[in-house]
C-alpha atoms as a PDB file:
ATOM      1  CA  MET A   1      10.877 -26.437  21.543  1.00  0.00           C
ATOM      2  CA  THR A   2      13.427 -23.897  21.799  1.00  0.00           C
ATOM      3  CA  VAL A   3      13.277 -19.711  22.285  1.00  0.00           C
ATOM      4  CA  ALA A   4      15.250 -17.822  19.770  1.00  0.00           C
ATOM      5  CA  LEU A   5      16.674 -15.134  19.971  1.00  0.00           C
ATOM      6  CA  PHE A   6      16.634 -11.872  17.292  1.00  0.00           C
ATOM      7  CA  GLY A   7      18.710  -8.850  17.824  1.00  0.00           C
ATOM      8  CA  GLY A   8      19.401  -6.451  16.149  1.00  0.00           C
ATOM      9  CA  ALA A   9      18.887  -1.641  15.212  1.00  0.00           C
ATOM     10  CA  PHE A  10      16.617  -2.277  13.678  1.00  0.00           C
ATOM     11  CA  ASP A  11      17.387   0.734  11.676  1.00  0.00           C
ATOM     12  CA  PRO A  12      14.643   0.774  10.718  1.00  0.00           C
ATOM     13  CA  PRO A  13      13.799  -3.382  10.550  1.00  0.00           C
ATOM     14  CA  HIS A  14      12.476  -4.571   6.294  1.00  0.00           C
ATOM     15  CA  ASN A  15      11.557  -7.040   5.217  1.00  0.00           C
ATOM     16  CA  GLY A  16      14.392  -9.539   5.523  1.00  0.00           C
ATOM     17  CA  HIS A  17      14.101  -9.561   8.591  1.00  0.00           C
ATOM     18  CA  VAL A  18      10.779 -10.392   8.999  1.00  0.00           C
ATOM     19  CA  GLU A  19      11.991 -12.731   6.264  1.00  0.00           C
ATOM     20  CA  LEU A  20      14.863 -14.504   8.515  1.00  0.00           C
ATOM     21  CA  LEU A  21      13.187 -14.909  11.721  1.00  0.00           C
ATOM     22  CA  ALA A  22       9.940 -16.911  10.168  1.00  0.00           C
ATOM     23  CA  ALA A  23      12.015 -18.658   8.428  1.00  0.00           C
ATOM     24  CA  ALA A  24      13.836 -19.267  11.506  1.00  0.00           C
ATOM     25  CA  LYS A  25       9.887 -20.268  13.042  1.00  0.00           C
ATOM     26  CA  ALA A  26       9.795 -22.157  10.307  1.00  0.00           C
ATOM     27  CA  GLY A  27      12.502 -24.638  10.232  1.00  0.00           C
ATOM     28  CA  PHE A  28      13.124 -24.862  14.196  1.00  0.00           C
ATOM     29  CA  ASP A  29      11.339 -25.644  16.908  1.00  0.00           C
ATOM     30  CA  VAL A  30      11.010 -21.964  18.079  1.00  0.00           C
ATOM     31  CA  ALA A  31       8.603 -22.315  21.577  1.00  0.00           C
ATOM     32  CA  ARG A  32       9.008 -18.430  21.574  1.00  0.00           C
ATOM     33  CA  ALA A  33      10.389 -15.697  19.723  1.00  0.00           C
ATOM     34  CA  THR A  34      12.290 -12.607  21.246  1.00  0.00           C
ATOM     35  CA  VAL A  35      13.146  -9.755  18.594  1.00  0.00           C
ATOM     36  CA  VAL A  36      16.233  -7.611  20.589  1.00  0.00           C
ATOM     37  CA  VAL A  37      16.365  -4.221  20.117  1.00  0.00           C
ATOM     38  CA  ALA A  38      19.761  -2.890  20.689  1.00  0.00           C
ATOM     39  CA  GLY A  39      19.254   0.353  22.623  1.00  0.00           C
ATOM     40  CA  ALA A  40      23.193   1.225  21.880  1.00  0.00           C
ATOM     41  CA  PRO A  41      25.000  -1.286  19.734  1.00  0.00           C
ATOM     42  CA  GLY A  42      28.854  -1.215  20.252  1.00  0.00           C
ATOM     43  CA  HIS A  43      29.374  -2.671  17.389  1.00  0.00           C
ATOM     44  CA  LYS A  44      28.100   0.033  15.169  1.00  0.00           C
ATOM     45  CA  ASP A  45      26.401   3.431  15.614  1.00  0.00           C
ATOM     46  CA  VAL A  46      22.890   4.639  15.055  1.00  0.00           C
ATOM     47  CA  ALA A  47      21.517   8.064  14.476  1.00  0.00           C
ATOM     48  CA  THR A  48      17.426   6.305  14.908  1.00  0.00           C
ATOM     49  CA  PRO A  49      16.572   7.033  18.916  1.00  0.00           C
ATOM     50  CA  ALA A  50      16.073   3.623  20.760  1.00  0.00           C
ATOM     51  CA  ALA A  51      12.494   4.193  21.536  1.00  0.00           C
ATOM     52  CA  ASP A  52      12.291   4.884  17.987  1.00  0.00           C
ATOM     53  CA  ARG A  53      13.675   1.843  16.512  1.00  0.00           C
ATOM     54  CA  PHE A  54      11.922  -0.304  19.488  1.00  0.00           C
ATOM     55  CA  ALA A  55       8.666   0.804  18.487  1.00  0.00           C
ATOM     56  CA  PHE A  56       8.824   0.185  14.717  1.00  0.00           C
ATOM     57  CA  ALA A  57      10.275  -4.073  15.675  1.00  0.00           C
ATOM     58  CA  LYS A  58       6.764  -4.421  17.680  1.00  0.00           C
ATOM     59  CA  LEU A  59       5.002  -3.252  14.349  1.00  0.00           C
ATOM     60  CA  ALA A  60       7.208  -5.284  12.057  1.00  0.00           C
ATOM     61  CA  PHE A  61       7.248  -8.434  14.646  1.00  0.00           C
ATOM     62  CA  PRO A  62       3.763  -8.779  15.904  1.00  0.00           C
ATOM     63  CA  GLY A  63       2.489 -11.163  17.945  1.00  0.00           C
ATOM     64  CA  ASP A  64       6.050 -11.413  18.920  1.00  0.00           C
ATOM     65  CA  ASP A  65       7.990 -10.446  22.592  1.00  0.00           C
ATOM     66  CA  VAL A  66      10.371  -7.742  21.195  1.00  0.00           C
ATOM     67  CA  ILE A  67      12.370  -5.885  24.146  1.00  0.00           C
ATOM     68  CA  LEU A  68      14.421  -3.030  24.037  1.00  0.00           C
ATOM     69  CA  ASP A  69      18.116  -3.934  25.217  1.00  0.00           C
ATOM     70  CA  ASP A  70      19.871  -1.643  27.078  1.00  0.00           C
ATOM     71  CA  HIS A  71      23.448  -4.245  26.672  1.00  0.00           C
ATOM     72  CA  ALA A  72      26.409  -2.754  24.068  1.00  0.00           C
ATOM     73  CA  ARG A  73      27.500  -6.567  23.694  1.00  0.00           C
ATOM     74  CA  THR A  74      25.510 -10.080  23.010  1.00  0.00           C
ATOM     75  CA  ILE A  75      26.892 -12.003  25.609  1.00  0.00           C
ATOM     76  CA  ASP A  76      26.194  -9.326  28.334  1.00  0.00           C
ATOM     77  CA  LEU A  77      23.267 -10.286  27.221  1.00  0.00           C
ATOM     78  CA  LEU A  78      23.072 -13.706  27.351  1.00  0.00           C
ATOM     79  CA  ARG A  79      25.090 -13.279  31.101  1.00  0.00           C
ATOM     80  CA  ASP A  80      21.894 -11.532  32.096  1.00  0.00           C
ATOM     81  CA  HIS A  81      19.222 -14.308  31.559  1.00  0.00           C
ATOM     82  CA  PRO A  82      20.003 -17.535  32.101  1.00  0.00           C
ATOM     83  CA  GLU A  83      16.295 -17.715  32.008  1.00  0.00           C
ATOM     84  CA  TRP A  84      16.296 -18.908  28.454  1.00  0.00           C
ATOM     85  CA  GLY A  85      19.003 -21.768  28.771  1.00  0.00           C
ATOM     86  CA  ASP A  86      20.540 -22.854  25.544  1.00  0.00           C
ATOM     87  CA  PRO A  87      18.878 -20.375  23.216  1.00  0.00           C
ATOM     88  CA  LEU A  88      18.622 -20.106  19.105  1.00  0.00           C
ATOM     89  CA  PHE A  89      20.711 -16.837  18.583  1.00  0.00           C
ATOM     90  CA  LEU A  90      19.237 -15.730  15.112  1.00  0.00           C
ATOM     91  CA  ILE A  91      21.833 -13.436  13.008  1.00  0.00           C
ATOM     92  CA  GLY A  92      22.837 -13.008   9.327  1.00  0.00           C
ATOM     93  CA  ALA A  93      25.677 -14.350   7.336  1.00  0.00           C
ATOM     94  CA  ASP A  94      27.023 -10.871   7.397  1.00  0.00           C
ATOM     95  CA  GLN A  95      27.546 -11.211  11.250  1.00  0.00           C
ATOM     96  CA  PHE A  96      28.220 -14.616  10.934  1.00  0.00           C
ATOM     97  CA  ALA A  97      31.232 -13.326   9.118  1.00  0.00           C
ATOM     98  CA  ASP A  98      32.224 -10.278  11.354  1.00  0.00           C
ATOM     99  CA  PHE A  99      31.372 -13.577  14.567  1.00  0.00           C
ATOM    100  CA  LEU A 100      35.385 -13.611  15.182  1.00  0.00           C
ATOM    101  CA  SER A 101      35.104 -10.136  15.858  1.00  0.00           C
ATOM    102  CA  TRP A 102      32.246  -9.597  18.564  1.00  0.00           C
ATOM    103  CA  LYS A 103      32.862  -9.695  22.714  1.00  0.00           C
ATOM    104  CA  GLU A 104      33.863 -13.138  23.810  1.00  0.00           C
ATOM    105  CA  PRO A 105      32.381 -15.398  20.559  1.00  0.00           C
ATOM    106  CA  ALA A 106      33.502 -18.515  22.476  1.00  0.00           C
ATOM    107  CA  GLU A 107      31.451 -17.389  25.000  1.00  0.00           C
ATOM    108  CA  VAL A 108      28.228 -16.281  23.212  1.00  0.00           C
ATOM    109  CA  LEU A 109      28.597 -19.723  21.523  1.00  0.00           C
ATOM    110  CA  ARG A 110      28.420 -21.410  24.872  1.00  0.00           C
ATOM    111  CA  ARG A 111      25.658 -19.727  26.436  1.00  0.00           C
ATOM    112  CA  ALA A 112      23.439 -19.921  22.736  1.00  0.00           C
ATOM    113  CA  ARG A 113      23.724 -21.699  19.930  1.00  0.00           C
ATOM    114  CA  LEU A 114      23.667 -19.484  16.668  1.00  0.00           C
ATOM    115  CA  GLY A 115      21.168 -19.878  13.953  1.00  0.00           C
ATOM    116  CA  VAL A 116      23.058 -18.268  10.809  1.00  0.00           C
ATOM    117  CA  ALA A 117      20.268 -17.119   7.341  1.00  0.00           C
ATOM    118  CA  THR A 118      21.641 -17.087   4.353  1.00  0.00           C
ATOM    119  CA  ARG A 119      22.309 -14.136   2.394  1.00  0.00           C
ATOM    120  CA  PRO A 120      23.531 -11.962  -0.699  1.00  0.00           C
ATOM    121  CA  GLY A 121      26.681 -12.272  -1.084  1.00  0.00           C
ATOM    122  CA  PHE A 122      27.781 -14.662   1.540  1.00  0.00           C
ATOM    123  CA  GLY A 123      28.484 -17.848   0.301  1.00  0.00           C
ATOM    124  CA  PHE A 124      30.160 -20.506   2.527  1.00  0.00           C
ATOM    125  CA  GLU A 125      33.049 -20.068   1.258  1.00  0.00           C
ATOM    126  CA  SER A 126      33.020 -16.848   2.647  1.00  0.00           C
ATOM    127  CA  LEU A 127      31.991 -18.673   5.776  1.00  0.00           C
ATOM    128  CA  ALA A 128      34.274 -20.964   6.185  1.00  0.00           C
ATOM    129  CA  PRO A 129      37.360 -19.842   7.757  1.00  0.00           C
ATOM    130  CA  VAL A 130      35.094 -17.793  10.542  1.00  0.00           C
ATOM    131  CA  LEU A 131      33.373 -21.562  11.634  1.00  0.00           C
ATOM    132  CA  GLY A 132      36.628 -23.423  11.014  1.00  0.00           C
ATOM    133  CA  ALA A 133      38.285 -20.718  13.597  1.00  0.00           C
ATOM    134  CA  LEU A 134      35.524 -21.410  16.042  1.00  0.00           C
ATOM    135  CA  GLY A 135      35.766 -25.508  15.803  1.00  0.00           C
ATOM    136  CA  LYS A 136      31.918 -25.893  17.497  1.00  0.00           C
ATOM    137  CA  ALA A 137      30.082 -27.174  14.059  1.00  0.00           C
ATOM    138  CA  ASP A 138      27.516 -28.638  16.157  1.00  0.00           C
ATOM    139  CA  ARG A 139      26.214 -25.504  17.522  1.00  0.00           C
ATOM    140  CA  ILE A 140      25.995 -23.410  14.121  1.00  0.00           C
ATOM    141  CA  THR A 141      23.485 -23.584  11.721  1.00  0.00           C
ATOM    142  CA  PHE A 142      22.741 -22.637   8.861  1.00  0.00           C
ATOM    143  CA  PHE A 143      19.184 -21.862   7.234  1.00  0.00           C
ATOM    144  CA  GLU A 144      18.252 -20.596   4.150  1.00  0.00           C
ATOM    145  CA  ILE A 145      15.953 -17.661   3.527  1.00  0.00           C
ATOM    146  CA  GLU A 146      14.020 -15.676   0.393  1.00  0.00           C
ATOM    147  CA  PRO A 147      17.275 -13.377  -0.667  1.00  0.00           C
ATOM    148  CA  LEU A 148      16.166 -10.319  -0.260  1.00  0.00           C
ATOM    149  CA  PRO A 149      19.292  -7.577  -1.099  1.00  0.00           C
ATOM    150  CA  ILE A 150      18.623  -4.739   1.323  1.00  0.00           C
ATOM    151  CA  ALA A 151      19.862  -3.455   3.720  1.00  0.00           C
ATOM    152  CA  SER A 152      18.891  -1.403   6.281  1.00  0.00           C
ATOM    153  CA  ARG A 153      21.923   2.078   5.996  1.00  0.00           C
ATOM    154  CA  GLU A 154      20.989   1.553   2.031  1.00  0.00           C
ATOM    155  CA  LEU A 155      17.018   1.683   3.670  1.00  0.00           C
ATOM    156  CA  ARG A 156      18.026   4.779   5.116  1.00  0.00           C
ATOM    157  CA  THR A 157      19.783   6.779   2.648  1.00  0.00           C
ATOM    158  CA  LEU A 158      16.481   5.730  -0.125  1.00  0.00           C
ATOM    159  CA  LEU A 159      13.802   7.331   2.298  1.00  0.00           C
ATOM    160  CA  GLU A 160      15.987  10.647   3.126  1.00  0.00           C
ATOM    161  CA  ALA A 161      16.039  10.781  -0.441  1.00  0.00           C
ATOM    162  CA  GLY A 162      12.292  10.811  -0.722  1.00  0.00           C
ATOM    163  CA  GLU A 163      12.213   6.917  -2.637  1.00  0.00           C
ATOM    164  CA  ASP A 164       9.547   4.820  -2.308  1.00  0.00           C
ATOM    165  CA  VAL A 165      10.636   2.039   0.022  1.00  0.00           C
ATOM    166  CA  SER A 166       7.296   0.550   0.666  1.00  0.00           C
ATOM    167  CA  ALA A 167       8.637  -2.830  -1.680  1.00  0.00           C
ATOM    168  CA  HIS A 168      11.362  -3.165   1.385  1.00  0.00           C
ATOM    169  CA  ILE A 169       9.352  -2.023   4.617  1.00  0.00           C
ATOM    170  CA  PRO A 170       6.297  -3.710   6.166  1.00  0.00           C
ATOM    171  CA  ALA A 171       3.153  -1.173   5.858  1.00  0.00           C
ATOM    172  CA  SER A 172       2.489  -0.280   9.488  1.00  0.00           C
ATOM    173  CA  VAL A 173       6.889   0.604   9.734  1.00  0.00           C
ATOM    174  CA  ALA A 174       6.009   2.579   6.744  1.00  0.00           C
ATOM    175  CA  THR A 175       3.371   4.636   7.978  1.00  0.00           C
ATOM    176  CA  GLU A 176       5.380   4.812  11.078  1.00  0.00           C
ATOM    177  CA  ILE A 177       8.258   6.515  10.045  1.00  0.00           C
ATOM    178  CA  ASP A 178       6.027   8.772   8.144  1.00  0.00           C
ATOM    179  CA  ARG A 179       4.220   9.430  11.428  1.00  0.00           C
ATOM    180  CA  ARG A 180       7.189  10.491  13.256  1.00  0.00           C
ATOM    181  CA  GLY A 181       8.874  12.526  10.186  1.00  0.00           C
ATOM    182  CA  LEU A 182      11.903  10.076  10.536  1.00  0.00           C
ATOM    183  CA  TYR A 183      14.892   9.829   8.057  1.00  0.00           C
ATOM    184  CA  GLY A 184      13.849  12.722   6.208  1.00  0.00           C
ATOM    185  CA  ARG A 185      10.268  11.692   6.126  1.00  0.00           C
ATOM    186  CA  HIS A 186       7.339  14.421   7.120  1.00  0.00           C
ATOM    187  CA  GLN A 187       4.472  13.759   8.335  1.00  0.00           C
ATOM    188  CA  GLY A 188       1.628  14.119   5.240  1.00  0.00           C
ATOM    189  CA  TYR A 189       4.223  12.045   3.554  1.00  0.00           C
ATOM    190  CA  THR A 190       2.461  10.250   0.741  1.00  0.00           C
ATOM    191  CA  ARG A 191       3.455   7.454  -1.597  1.00  0.00           C
END
């Protein structure tokens, strides 16, 4: 039985995130899934407060463990949680394409296996060089998800422009965004 970890900024969480975790649960022998919200991710700037993103993740992933992580880098998180054993760390193909730039990628692979979800625009030919450089193909599994070509940064832009994003994010998250008045939304906003 596997512990699956799914980390991200979740600014905001969207249906692609939900689909990735659901596909991993269906395709792997997952005993427990933990969604790891990066409080201050080392690889990107986030404007939305960690407490808001944590609340959104709890709504987007009901029934799963959701934790707020104060580590800037994945390897530091894994070092602090040896009780997870040999977890399956879930990422999208876009993140895997940049995996060699992560802090201590070889050590991440020693402490966790990677489950890499397909993503539009990141075919195997673009990922093969990363896989070859790592030399640990047995620690990496690729799995397919329904292609949902949207990213959180695009959703933020749409939200700030007042566009309807209901097809891209869980309804509970959309309601909470409106309630908190984030991304240019105001209380009482109706679609």
